[in-house]
Amino acid sequence: MRDPRVKKAAADFVPLFVDTLQDLTLTRRFGEQVGSYPVLRVIDLAGKDRAPRINGNLSAGRISVAQILAQLSLARQEQRKSSPERSGLR
């Protein structure tokens, strides 16, 4: 989350990392498998999923900045579809 591109793209959304080893509350809330790789979800301020979830990189156990930016872009597109009056904001 230190990358400035992610900070700018995340202005209307929350990139939510679900650590399935450490955070059992979020793991259960989102129906993830306990002990799997990290999961990225992009949610809006109401907690609704705005883009498809992605699993961490199975070889490195990481989610790249490029993957985060792609998910935030999908979330923005989804938001514009569901809220046409907001599409002109950015």
N, C-alpha and C. Protein backbone atom coordinates (compact mmCIF):
# COMPACT_ATOMS: atom_id res chain seq x y z
N MET A 1 0.82 -1.20 0.00
CA MET A 1 0.00 0.00 0.00
C MET A 1 0.86 1.26 0.00
N ARG A 2 2.16 1.11 -0.03
CA ARG A 2 3.03 2.29 -0.06
C ARG A 2 3.15 2.88 -1.46
N ASP A 3 2.85 2.09 -2.45
CA ASP A 3 3.00 2.56 -3.83
C ASP A 3 2.02 3.70 -4.10
N PRO A 4 2.50 4.86 -4.57
CA PRO A 4 1.61 6.00 -4.78
C PRO A 4 0.52 5.74 -5.81
N ARG A 5 0.78 4.86 -6.77
CA ARG A 5 -0.26 4.53 -7.77
C ARG A 5 -1.43 3.83 -7.11
N VAL A 6 -1.13 2.97 -6.14
CA VAL A 6 -2.19 2.25 -5.42
C VAL A 6 -2.98 3.24 -4.56
N LYS A 7 -2.29 4.12 -3.88
CA LYS A 7 -2.98 5.11 -3.03
C LYS A 7 -3.94 5.95 -3.84
N LYS A 8 -3.49 6.41 -5.01
CA LYS A 8 -4.35 7.24 -5.86
C LYS A 8 -5.54 6.45 -6.39
N ALA A 9 -5.30 5.24 -6.85
CA ALA A 9 -6.37 4.41 -7.41
C ALA A 9 -7.36 3.95 -6.36
N ALA A 10 -6.95 3.91 -5.11
CA ALA A 10 -7.80 3.39 -4.03
C ALA A 10 -8.62 4.48 -3.36
N ALA A 11 -8.73 5.64 -3.97
CA ALA A 11 -9.44 6.75 -3.33
C ALA A 11 -10.89 6.41 -2.98
N ASP A 12 -11.57 5.62 -3.80
CA ASP A 12 -12.98 5.31 -3.57
C ASP A 12 -13.22 3.88 -3.09
N PHE A 13 -12.15 3.12 -2.96
CA PHE A 13 -12.28 1.71 -2.65
C PHE A 13 -11.29 1.31 -1.57
N VAL A 14 -11.53 0.17 -1.00
CA VAL A 14 -10.61 -0.37 0.00
C VAL A 14 -10.03 -1.67 -0.54
N PRO A 15 -8.71 -1.67 -0.85
CA PRO A 15 -8.09 -2.94 -1.20
C PRO A 15 -7.91 -3.72 0.10
N LEU A 16 -8.57 -4.82 0.21
CA LEU A 16 -8.60 -5.57 1.46
C LEU A 16 -7.83 -6.87 1.30
N PHE A 17 -6.77 -7.00 2.07
CA PHE A 17 -5.99 -8.23 2.06
C PHE A 17 -6.51 -9.12 3.17
N VAL A 18 -6.84 -10.33 2.83
CA VAL A 18 -7.30 -11.30 3.81
C VAL A 18 -6.16 -12.26 4.07
N ASP A 19 -5.58 -12.16 5.26
CA ASP A 19 -4.51 -13.06 5.67
C ASP A 19 -5.16 -14.27 6.32
N THR A 20 -5.27 -15.34 5.57
CA THR A 20 -6.03 -16.51 6.02
C THR A 20 -5.30 -17.32 7.10
N LEU A 21 -4.06 -16.94 7.41
CA LEU A 21 -3.33 -17.59 8.50
C LEU A 21 -3.50 -16.84 9.81
N GLN A 22 -3.62 -15.51 9.73
CA GLN A 22 -3.62 -14.69 10.93
C GLN A 22 -4.98 -14.09 11.30
N ASP A 23 -5.80 -13.76 10.32
CA ASP A 23 -7.05 -13.04 10.58
C ASP A 23 -8.25 -13.94 10.32
N LEU A 24 -8.61 -14.69 11.33
CA LEU A 24 -9.73 -15.63 11.17
C LEU A 24 -11.08 -14.93 11.04
N THR A 25 -11.20 -13.74 11.61
CA THR A 25 -12.46 -13.01 11.50
C THR A 25 -12.76 -12.66 10.04
N LEU A 26 -11.78 -12.02 9.36
CA LEU A 26 -12.00 -11.68 7.95
C LEU A 26 -12.07 -12.93 7.08
N THR A 27 -11.26 -13.92 7.40
CA THR A 27 -11.28 -15.17 6.63
C THR A 27 -12.68 -15.76 6.63
N ARG A 28 -13.29 -15.83 7.79
CA ARG A 28 -14.65 -16.38 7.90
C ARG A 28 -15.69 -15.46 7.27
N ARG A 29 -15.54 -14.15 7.50
CA ARG A 29 -16.51 -13.20 6.96
C ARG A 29 -16.63 -13.31 5.44
N PHE A 30 -15.50 -13.51 4.77
CA PHE A 30 -15.51 -13.58 3.32
C PHE A 30 -15.52 -15.01 2.79
N GLY A 31 -15.66 -15.98 3.66
CA GLY A 31 -15.78 -17.37 3.22
C GLY A 31 -14.52 -17.94 2.60
N GLU A 32 -13.37 -17.43 3.04
CA GLU A 32 -12.10 -17.93 2.51
C GLU A 32 -11.68 -19.19 3.27
N GLN A 33 -10.79 -19.93 2.65
CA GLN A 33 -10.28 -21.16 3.26
C GLN A 33 -9.17 -20.80 4.23
N VAL A 34 -9.29 -21.24 5.47
CA VAL A 34 -8.27 -20.98 6.49
C VAL A 34 -6.96 -21.62 6.05
N GLY A 35 -5.88 -20.84 6.13
CA GLY A 35 -4.56 -21.37 5.83
C GLY A 35 -4.17 -21.32 4.36
N SER A 36 -4.99 -20.70 3.51
CA SER A 36 -4.62 -20.60 2.10
C SER A 36 -3.73 -19.37 1.90
N TYR A 37 -3.40 -19.08 0.66
CA TYR A 37 -2.58 -17.92 0.35
C TYR A 37 -3.36 -16.63 0.58
N PRO A 38 -2.64 -15.49 0.66
CA PRO A 38 -3.35 -14.21 0.83
C PRO A 38 -4.34 -13.98 -0.30
N VAL A 39 -5.40 -13.28 0.02
CA VAL A 39 -6.45 -12.98 -0.94
C VAL A 39 -6.63 -11.47 -0.98
N LEU A 40 -6.81 -10.93 -2.18
CA LEU A 40 -7.11 -9.51 -2.32
C LEU A 40 -8.55 -9.37 -2.75
N ARG A 41 -9.27 -8.55 -2.03
CA ARG A 41 -10.63 -8.18 -2.40
C ARG A 41 -10.65 -6.66 -2.49
N VAL A 42 -11.43 -6.14 -3.40
CA VAL A 42 -11.62 -4.70 -3.50
C VAL A 42 -13.07 -4.45 -3.13
N ILE A 43 -13.24 -3.72 -2.02
CA ILE A 43 -14.60 -3.44 -1.53
C ILE A 43 -14.83 -1.94 -1.53
N ASP A 44 -16.11 -1.56 -1.57
CA ASP A 44 -16.43 -0.14 -1.46
C ASP A 44 -16.58 0.19 0.03
N LEU A 45 -16.91 1.42 0.31
CA LEU A 45 -17.00 1.84 1.71
C LEU A 45 -18.14 1.19 2.47
N ALA A 46 -19.08 0.58 1.74
CA ALA A 46 -20.18 -0.14 2.37
C ALA A 46 -19.84 -1.62 2.60
N GLY A 47 -18.65 -2.04 2.16
CA GLY A 47 -18.22 -3.42 2.36
C GLY A 47 -18.61 -4.37 1.24
N LYS A 48 -19.11 -3.83 0.12
CA LYS A 48 -19.53 -4.67 -1.00
C LYS A 48 -18.36 -4.93 -1.94
N ASP A 49 -18.22 -6.19 -2.38
CA ASP A 49 -17.19 -6.51 -3.36
C ASP A 49 -17.42 -5.71 -4.63
N ARG A 50 -16.35 -5.09 -5.17
CA ARG A 50 -16.46 -4.30 -6.38
C ARG A 50 -15.65 -4.85 -7.54
N ALA A 51 -14.89 -5.91 -7.29
CA ALA A 51 -14.08 -6.56 -8.33
C ALA A 51 -13.90 -8.01 -7.93
N PRO A 52 -13.60 -8.87 -8.87
CA PRO A 52 -13.37 -10.28 -8.52
C PRO A 52 -12.18 -10.42 -7.58
N ARG A 53 -12.26 -11.33 -6.66
CA ARG A 53 -11.15 -11.57 -5.72
C ARG A 53 -10.01 -12.26 -6.45
N ILE A 54 -8.81 -12.07 -5.94
CA ILE A 54 -7.67 -12.79 -6.50
C ILE A 54 -6.87 -13.42 -5.37
N ASN A 55 -6.31 -14.58 -5.65
CA ASN A 55 -5.43 -15.26 -4.72
C ASN A 55 -4.04 -14.70 -4.87
N GLY A 56 -3.25 -14.90 -3.83
CA GLY A 56 -1.85 -14.51 -3.93
C GLY A 56 -1.11 -15.36 -4.94
N ASN A 57 0.04 -14.87 -5.34
CA ASN A 57 0.91 -15.60 -6.25
C ASN A 57 1.34 -16.89 -5.56
N LEU A 58 0.94 -18.01 -6.11
CA LEU A 58 1.19 -19.28 -5.44
C LEU A 58 2.67 -19.61 -5.34
N SER A 59 3.49 -19.07 -6.23
CA SER A 59 4.92 -19.36 -6.14
C SER A 59 5.64 -18.44 -5.17
N ALA A 60 5.15 -17.21 -5.02
CA ALA A 60 5.85 -16.27 -4.15
C ALA A 60 5.05 -15.91 -2.90
N GLY A 61 3.77 -16.28 -2.87
CA GLY A 61 2.94 -15.91 -1.73
C GLY A 61 2.68 -14.42 -1.66
N ARG A 62 2.71 -13.75 -2.83
CA ARG A 62 2.55 -12.30 -2.88
C ARG A 62 1.50 -11.89 -3.90
N ILE A 63 1.03 -10.67 -3.75
CA ILE A 63 0.14 -10.06 -4.72
C ILE A 63 0.86 -8.81 -5.20
N SER A 64 1.07 -8.69 -6.50
CA SER A 64 1.88 -7.60 -7.05
C SER A 64 1.10 -6.28 -7.10
N VAL A 65 1.83 -5.18 -7.20
CA VAL A 65 1.22 -3.86 -7.37
C VAL A 65 0.38 -3.85 -8.64
N ALA A 66 0.88 -4.47 -9.70
CA ALA A 66 0.12 -4.51 -10.96
C ALA A 66 -1.23 -5.21 -10.76
N GLN A 67 -1.26 -6.29 -9.99
CA GLN A 67 -2.52 -6.98 -9.72
C GLN A 67 -3.46 -6.08 -8.92
N ILE A 68 -2.94 -5.36 -7.96
CA ILE A 68 -3.78 -4.47 -7.15
C ILE A 68 -4.36 -3.37 -8.04
N LEU A 69 -3.52 -2.75 -8.86
CA LEU A 69 -4.00 -1.68 -9.74
C LEU A 69 -5.06 -2.20 -10.72
N ALA A 70 -4.87 -3.40 -11.23
CA ALA A 70 -5.86 -3.99 -12.14
C ALA A 70 -7.19 -4.20 -11.43
N GLN A 71 -7.15 -4.67 -10.20
CA GLN A 71 -8.39 -4.89 -9.45
C GLN A 71 -9.09 -3.57 -9.14
N LEU A 72 -8.32 -2.55 -8.80
CA LEU A 72 -8.92 -1.24 -8.53
C LEU A 72 -9.55 -0.67 -9.79
N SER A 73 -8.93 -0.88 -10.93
CA SER A 73 -9.51 -0.45 -12.21
C SER A 73 -10.83 -1.16 -12.48
N LEU A 74 -10.86 -2.46 -12.24
CA LEU A 74 -12.12 -3.21 -12.40
C LEU A 74 -13.19 -2.69 -11.45
N ALA A 75 -12.79 -2.37 -10.24
CA ALA A 75 -13.76 -1.86 -9.26
C ALA A 75 -14.34 -0.53 -9.72
N ARG A 76 -13.50 0.33 -10.25
CA ARG A 76 -13.98 1.63 -10.75
C ARG A 76 -14.97 1.42 -11.89
N GLN A 77 -14.67 0.49 -12.80
CA GLN A 77 -15.59 0.19 -13.91
C GLN A 77 -16.91 -0.33 -13.38
N GLU A 78 -16.85 -1.21 -12.40
CA GLU A 78 -18.07 -1.78 -11.81
C GLU A 78 -18.90 -0.70 -11.13
N GLN A 79 -18.22 0.20 -10.44
CA GLN A 79 -18.94 1.29 -9.77
C GLN A 79 -19.64 2.19 -10.77
N ARG A 80 -18.99 2.47 -11.88
CA ARG A 80 -19.60 3.32 -12.90
C ARG A 80 -20.82 2.67 -13.52
N LYS A 81 -20.79 1.35 -13.67
CA LYS A 81 -21.94 0.63 -14.21
C LYS A 81 -23.13 0.71 -13.26
N SER A 82 -22.86 0.57 -11.97
CA SER A 82 -23.95 0.53 -11.00
C SER A 82 -24.38 1.91 -10.52
N SER A 83 -23.53 2.93 -10.72
CA SER A 83 -23.87 4.28 -10.28
C SER A 83 -23.53 5.28 -11.38
N PRO A 84 -24.35 5.35 -12.43
CA PRO A 84 -24.03 6.23 -13.55
C PRO A 84 -23.86 7.70 -13.16
N GLU A 85 -24.55 8.15 -12.13
CA GLU A 85 -24.45 9.55 -11.73
C GLU A 85 -23.08 9.87 -11.14
N ARG A 86 -22.36 8.86 -10.68
CA ARG A 86 -21.04 9.09 -10.11
C ARG A 86 -19.93 9.00 -11.15
N SER A 87 -20.23 8.52 -12.34
CA SER A 87 -19.19 8.26 -13.34
C SER A 87 -18.43 9.51 -13.76
N GLY A 88 -19.02 10.68 -13.60
CA GLY A 88 -18.33 11.90 -13.99
C GLY A 88 -17.45 12.47 -12.91
N LEU A 89 -17.39 11.85 -11.75
CA LEU A 89 -16.60 12.40 -10.66
C LEU A 89 -15.11 12.35 -10.91
N ARG A 90 -14.63 11.35 -11.65
CA ARG A 90 -13.18 11.20 -11.84
C ARG A 90 -12.87 11.04 -13.28
